[in-house]
Amino acid sequence: MAKPNDASIFVHIEALVAEEHKLFEAHGELDAEQQKRLAEIKSELDRYWDLLRQRRALREFGRDPSQAHERDADTVKKYIG
C-alpha cells in the first residue's frame, strides 16, 4: 500500500465522519453492534488525525511528511488524553 498523502487522509476522515453521523441520524439509541462500530470509528478518527498532525509537524520542520506513520489506538489514546 502506498503511503497516504494529506488529501487521502482527509478523504478517509470525511468518510468516517459521515458514517458516524449516519449512525446517529438513523437511530435514536444505538444497539451493541452500533456502539461497537462507533467506538471503532472514534478510534480510527483519532489515529488519522494523529497521522495528519505528524505530517504537518514534519513538514513544518523541513522534514519529509511521508515519514509519518500510523500509530496504534492505545498509543494515540495516551496522546489525546
N, C-alpha and C. Protein backbone atom coordinates (compact mmCIF):
# COMPACT_ATOMS: atom_id res chain seq x y z
N MET A 1 0.84 -1.19 0.00
CA MET A 1 0.00 0.00 0.00
C MET A 1 0.88 1.25 0.00
N ALA A 2 0.54 2.22 -0.81
CA ALA A 2 1.29 3.45 -0.91
C ALA A 2 1.09 4.29 0.36
N LYS A 3 2.10 5.08 0.65
CA LYS A 3 1.99 6.00 1.79
C LYS A 3 0.88 7.00 1.51
N PRO A 4 0.05 7.28 2.52
CA PRO A 4 -1.03 8.24 2.29
C PRO A 4 -0.50 9.67 2.19
N ASN A 5 -1.24 10.50 1.47
CA ASN A 5 -0.93 11.92 1.45
C ASN A 5 -2.04 12.65 2.20
N ASP A 6 -1.87 13.95 2.40
CA ASP A 6 -2.86 14.70 3.18
C ASP A 6 -4.26 14.57 2.60
N ALA A 7 -4.37 14.63 1.28
CA ALA A 7 -5.69 14.56 0.65
C ALA A 7 -6.36 13.21 0.91
N SER A 8 -5.61 12.13 0.80
CA SER A 8 -6.21 10.81 1.03
C SER A 8 -6.57 10.62 2.50
N ILE A 9 -5.79 11.22 3.39
CA ILE A 9 -6.12 11.16 4.82
C ILE A 9 -7.41 11.90 5.08
N PHE A 10 -7.57 13.10 4.50
CA PHE A 10 -8.80 13.87 4.66
C PHE A 10 -10.01 13.12 4.12
N VAL A 11 -9.85 12.48 2.97
CA VAL A 11 -10.95 11.71 2.38
C VAL A 11 -11.39 10.61 3.34
N HIS A 12 -10.42 9.93 3.93
CA HIS A 12 -10.75 8.85 4.86
C HIS A 12 -11.44 9.41 6.11
N ILE A 13 -10.94 10.52 6.63
CA ILE A 13 -11.55 11.16 7.79
C ILE A 13 -12.99 11.55 7.48
N GLU A 14 -13.21 12.15 6.32
CA GLU A 14 -14.57 12.57 5.94
C GLU A 14 -15.51 11.37 5.83
N ALA A 15 -15.02 10.25 5.31
CA ALA A 15 -15.85 9.05 5.21
C ALA A 15 -16.21 8.52 6.59
N LEU A 16 -15.26 8.54 7.51
CA LEU A 16 -15.53 8.09 8.87
C LEU A 16 -16.53 9.00 9.57
N VAL A 17 -16.37 10.30 9.39
CA VAL A 17 -17.30 11.26 10.00
C VAL A 17 -18.70 11.07 9.43
N ALA A 18 -18.80 10.85 8.12
CA ALA A 18 -20.11 10.61 7.51
C ALA A 18 -20.76 9.36 8.08
N GLU A 19 -19.97 8.31 8.26
CA GLU A 19 -20.51 7.07 8.84
C GLU A 19 -20.96 7.31 10.29
N GLU A 20 -20.18 8.07 11.02
CA GLU A 20 -20.53 8.41 12.40
C GLU A 20 -21.86 9.17 12.45
N HIS A 21 -22.01 10.15 11.58
CA HIS A 21 -23.25 10.93 11.53
C HIS A 21 -24.43 10.06 11.14
N LYS A 22 -24.21 9.16 10.19
CA LYS A 22 -25.27 8.26 9.74
C LYS A 22 -25.76 7.38 10.89
N LEU A 23 -24.84 6.91 11.71
CA LEU A 23 -25.23 6.10 12.86
C LEU A 23 -26.13 6.90 13.80
N PHE A 24 -25.77 8.14 14.06
CA PHE A 24 -26.56 8.97 14.96
C PHE A 24 -27.90 9.38 14.36
N GLU A 25 -27.93 9.65 13.05
CA GLU A 25 -29.17 10.10 12.41
C GLU A 25 -30.20 8.99 12.27
N ALA A 26 -29.74 7.79 11.99
CA ALA A 26 -30.65 6.69 11.69
C ALA A 26 -31.23 6.03 12.93
N HIS A 27 -30.63 6.27 14.06
CA HIS A 27 -31.06 5.54 15.25
C HIS A 27 -31.11 6.46 16.45
N GLY A 28 -32.21 6.35 17.21
CA GLY A 28 -32.31 7.11 18.44
C GLY A 28 -31.33 6.58 19.46
N GLU A 29 -31.37 5.27 19.67
CA GLU A 29 -30.47 4.63 20.62
C GLU A 29 -29.72 3.53 19.88
N LEU A 30 -28.43 3.52 20.03
CA LEU A 30 -27.61 2.55 19.31
C LEU A 30 -27.62 1.20 20.02
N ASP A 31 -27.71 0.13 19.22
CA ASP A 31 -27.61 -1.21 19.81
C ASP A 31 -26.13 -1.53 20.05
N ALA A 32 -25.85 -2.70 20.62
CA ALA A 32 -24.48 -3.06 20.99
C ALA A 32 -23.54 -3.07 19.78
N GLU A 33 -24.00 -3.60 18.65
CA GLU A 33 -23.17 -3.64 17.45
C GLU A 33 -22.87 -2.23 16.94
N GLN A 34 -23.86 -1.36 16.96
CA GLN A 34 -23.66 0.01 16.51
C GLN A 34 -22.74 0.77 17.47
N GLN A 35 -22.87 0.52 18.77
CA GLN A 35 -21.99 1.16 19.74
C GLN A 35 -20.55 0.71 19.53
N LYS A 36 -20.37 -0.57 19.23
CA LYS A 36 -19.03 -1.09 18.95
C LYS A 36 -18.45 -0.42 17.72
N ARG A 37 -19.25 -0.30 16.65
CA ARG A 37 -18.78 0.34 15.43
C ARG A 37 -18.44 1.81 15.69
N LEU A 38 -19.26 2.50 16.49
CA LEU A 38 -19.00 3.89 16.81
C LEU A 38 -17.66 4.03 17.54
N ALA A 39 -17.38 3.13 18.46
CA ALA A 39 -16.10 3.16 19.18
C ALA A 39 -14.94 2.93 18.20
N GLU A 40 -15.12 2.01 17.24
CA GLU A 40 -14.09 1.76 16.23
C GLU A 40 -13.85 3.01 15.37
N ILE A 41 -14.93 3.67 14.99
CA ILE A 41 -14.83 4.89 14.18
C ILE A 41 -14.07 5.96 14.95
N LYS A 42 -14.42 6.16 16.21
CA LYS A 42 -13.75 7.20 17.01
C LYS A 42 -12.27 6.90 17.14
N SER A 43 -11.93 5.65 17.37
CA SER A 43 -10.52 5.26 17.49
C SER A 43 -9.78 5.50 16.18
N GLU A 44 -10.39 5.12 15.07
CA GLU A 44 -9.75 5.33 13.77
C GLU A 44 -9.62 6.81 13.45
N LEU A 45 -10.64 7.60 13.80
CA LEU A 45 -10.54 9.05 13.60
C LEU A 45 -9.37 9.62 14.39
N ASP A 46 -9.23 9.21 15.64
CA ASP A 46 -8.10 9.69 16.45
C ASP A 46 -6.78 9.35 15.79
N ARG A 47 -6.66 8.13 15.26
CA ARG A 47 -5.41 7.69 14.63
C ARG A 47 -5.12 8.49 13.36
N TYR A 48 -6.15 8.77 12.57
CA TYR A 48 -5.92 9.51 11.32
C TYR A 48 -5.65 10.99 11.58
N TRP A 49 -6.32 11.58 12.58
CA TRP A 49 -5.99 12.97 12.94
C TRP A 49 -4.55 13.04 13.44
N ASP A 50 -4.13 12.05 14.22
CA ASP A 50 -2.75 11.99 14.71
C ASP A 50 -1.78 11.91 13.53
N LEU A 51 -2.08 11.07 12.56
CA LEU A 51 -1.23 10.94 11.37
C LEU A 51 -1.12 12.27 10.64
N LEU A 52 -2.23 12.95 10.48
CA LEU A 52 -2.22 14.25 9.81
C LEU A 52 -1.38 15.26 10.60
N ARG A 53 -1.51 15.26 11.94
CA ARG A 53 -0.70 16.18 12.76
C ARG A 53 0.79 15.85 12.63
N GLN A 54 1.12 14.57 12.59
CA GLN A 54 2.53 14.18 12.41
C GLN A 54 3.06 14.73 11.08
N ARG A 55 2.28 14.57 10.02
CA ARG A 55 2.70 15.03 8.69
C ARG A 55 2.92 16.54 8.70
N ARG A 56 2.01 17.26 9.33
CA ARG A 56 2.14 18.71 9.38
C ARG A 56 3.37 19.13 10.18
N ALA A 57 3.63 18.46 11.30
CA ALA A 57 4.79 18.79 12.12
C ALA A 57 6.09 18.50 11.36
N LEU A 58 6.15 17.37 10.69
CA LEU A 58 7.35 17.06 9.91
C LEU A 58 7.58 18.11 8.83
N ARG A 59 6.51 18.48 8.13
CA ARG A 59 6.61 19.48 7.07
C ARG A 59 7.06 20.82 7.65
N GLU A 60 6.50 21.20 8.79
CA GLU A 60 6.83 22.48 9.42
C GLU A 60 8.32 22.58 9.75
N PHE A 61 8.93 21.45 10.10
CA PHE A 61 10.35 21.47 10.46
C PHE A 61 11.25 21.02 9.32
N GLY A 62 10.72 21.10 8.08
CA GLY A 62 11.53 20.84 6.90
C GLY A 62 11.85 19.38 6.65
N ARG A 63 11.09 18.50 7.27
CA ARG A 63 11.32 17.07 7.07
C ARG A 63 10.26 16.50 6.13
N ASP A 64 10.48 15.29 5.70
CA ASP A 64 9.60 14.62 4.75
C ASP A 64 8.33 14.11 5.46
N PRO A 65 7.15 14.63 5.09
CA PRO A 65 5.92 14.21 5.75
C PRO A 65 5.59 12.73 5.52
N SER A 66 6.17 12.12 4.51
CA SER A 66 5.89 10.71 4.27
C SER A 66 6.54 9.82 5.33
N GLN A 67 7.37 10.41 6.18
CA GLN A 67 7.98 9.65 7.27
C GLN A 67 7.01 9.45 8.43
N ALA A 68 5.87 10.14 8.41
CA ALA A 68 4.84 9.94 9.44
C ALA A 68 4.28 8.54 9.29
N HIS A 69 3.83 7.98 10.40
CA HIS A 69 3.26 6.64 10.35
C HIS A 69 2.06 6.53 11.29
N GLU A 70 1.18 5.63 10.94
CA GLU A 70 0.01 5.39 11.79
C GLU A 70 0.47 4.76 13.09
N ARG A 71 -0.07 5.29 14.18
CA ARG A 71 0.23 4.71 15.48
C ARG A 71 -0.97 3.88 15.91
N ASP A 72 -0.72 2.92 16.79
CA ASP A 72 -1.82 2.08 17.25
C ASP A 72 -2.76 2.88 18.16
N ALA A 73 -3.96 2.39 18.32
CA ALA A 73 -5.00 3.10 19.05
C ALA A 73 -4.60 3.39 20.49
N ASP A 74 -3.93 2.46 21.15
CA ASP A 74 -3.53 2.68 22.54
C ASP A 74 -2.53 3.82 22.67
N THR A 75 -1.60 3.91 21.75
CA THR A 75 -0.62 4.98 21.77
C THR A 75 -1.30 6.33 21.54
N VAL A 76 -2.17 6.39 20.55
CA VAL A 76 -2.85 7.65 20.22
C VAL A 76 -3.75 8.09 21.38
N LYS A 77 -4.42 7.14 22.00
CA LYS A 77 -5.30 7.47 23.13
C LYS A 77 -4.51 8.14 24.23
N LYS A 78 -3.29 7.69 24.47
CA LYS A 78 -2.45 8.29 25.51
C LYS A 78 -2.10 9.74 25.18
N TYR A 79 -1.88 10.04 23.89
CA TYR A 79 -1.56 11.40 23.49
C TYR A 79 -2.77 12.32 23.53
N ILE A 80 -3.92 11.77 23.21
CA ILE A 80 -5.12 12.59 23.12
C ILE A 80 -5.71 12.85 24.50
N GLY A 81 -5.47 11.98 25.41
CA GLY A 81 -5.89 12.23 26.77
C GLY A 81 -6.92 11.30 27.20
